[in-house]
């Protein structure tokens, strides 16, 4: 399965933010549960204000239990 172009563009933005030192781990609140989430964000400036762009949150618990890696056929 191919990774959608929008996700590839977001990943490129994430890499550029990391390279320029504009990446942050921000404590946010989950809008559905009210629980704290630790979110990987790009940080930019717009005028005198900071703008944060969330990319995803760190997984609670063991991420190896939540995700299955791609199969060998996908990698070749």
Protein backbone atom coordinates (compact mmCIF):
# COMPACT_ATOMS: atom_id res chain seq x y z
CA UNK A 1 0.00 0.00 0.00
CA UNK A 2 1.44 3.38 -0.97
CA UNK A 3 1.75 6.19 1.53
CA UNK A 4 -0.60 9.03 0.51
CA UNK A 5 1.05 12.19 -0.88
CA UNK A 6 -0.38 14.39 1.89
CA UNK A 7 1.35 12.22 4.50
CA UNK A 8 4.61 12.35 2.57
CA UNK A 9 4.40 16.17 2.48
CA UNK A 10 3.68 16.30 6.22
CA UNK A 11 6.65 14.04 6.88
CA UNK A 12 8.89 16.29 4.78
CA UNK A 13 7.70 19.28 6.80
CA UNK A 14 8.45 17.38 10.00
CA UNK A 15 11.97 16.59 8.79
CA UNK A 16 12.62 20.24 7.86
CA UNK A 17 11.41 21.37 11.29
CA UNK A 18 13.74 18.87 12.96
CA UNK A 19 16.71 19.97 10.83
CA UNK A 20 16.14 23.65 11.65
CA UNK A 21 15.57 23.08 15.37
CA UNK A 22 11.89 24.02 15.13
CA UNK A 23 10.49 20.80 16.59
CA UNK A 24 8.98 20.60 20.07
CA UNK A 25 7.26 18.14 22.36
CA UNK A 26 4.18 19.94 23.68
CA UNK A 27 1.81 18.84 26.42
CA UNK A 28 -1.72 19.21 25.05
CA UNK A 29 -5.17 18.06 26.13
CA UNK A 30 -7.04 15.39 24.19
CA UNK A 31 -10.28 17.00 23.02
CA UNK A 32 -12.30 13.79 23.44
CA UNK A 33 -11.01 12.44 26.75
CA UNK A 34 -9.49 15.48 28.48
CA UNK A 35 -6.36 13.42 29.12
CA UNK A 36 -2.91 14.93 28.60
CA UNK A 37 -1.18 14.03 25.32
CA UNK A 38 2.45 14.65 24.47
CA UNK A 39 2.41 15.93 20.92
CA UNK A 40 5.27 16.26 18.41
CA UNK A 41 4.87 19.72 16.86
CA UNK A 42 6.65 21.98 14.40
CA UNK A 43 7.01 25.49 15.82
CA UNK A 44 7.02 28.56 13.58
CA UNK A 45 6.50 32.27 13.86
CA UNK A 46 3.76 34.36 12.35
CA UNK A 47 4.43 37.99 13.12
CA UNK A 48 5.09 38.08 16.85
CA UNK A 49 3.13 34.90 17.59
CA UNK A 50 4.25 31.29 17.79
CA UNK A 51 2.38 28.83 15.59
CA UNK A 52 2.48 25.15 16.48
CA UNK A 53 1.56 22.47 13.97
CA UNK A 54 0.81 19.10 15.57
CA UNK A 55 1.96 15.96 13.78
CA UNK A 56 1.11 13.21 16.22
CA UNK A 57 1.26 12.22 19.85
CA UNK A 58 3.53 9.80 21.61
CA UNK A 59 1.87 6.46 22.23
CA UNK A 60 0.77 5.52 25.74
CA UNK A 61 2.00 2.08 26.71
CA UNK A 62 4.01 -0.20 24.49
CA UNK A 63 3.79 0.90 20.83
CA UNK A 64 5.01 -2.53 19.72
CA UNK A 65 1.68 -3.89 20.99
CA UNK A 66 -0.33 -1.31 19.03
CA UNK A 67 1.27 -1.40 15.59
CA UNK A 68 2.11 -4.16 13.16
CA UNK A 69 5.11 -3.48 10.87
CA UNK A 70 4.70 -3.85 7.11
CA UNK A 71 5.12 -7.30 5.64
CA UNK A 72 8.21 -8.29 3.67
CA UNK A 73 6.24 -8.05 0.42
CA UNK A 74 5.60 -4.33 1.06
CA UNK A 75 9.30 -3.67 1.72
CA UNK A 76 10.49 -5.24 -1.54
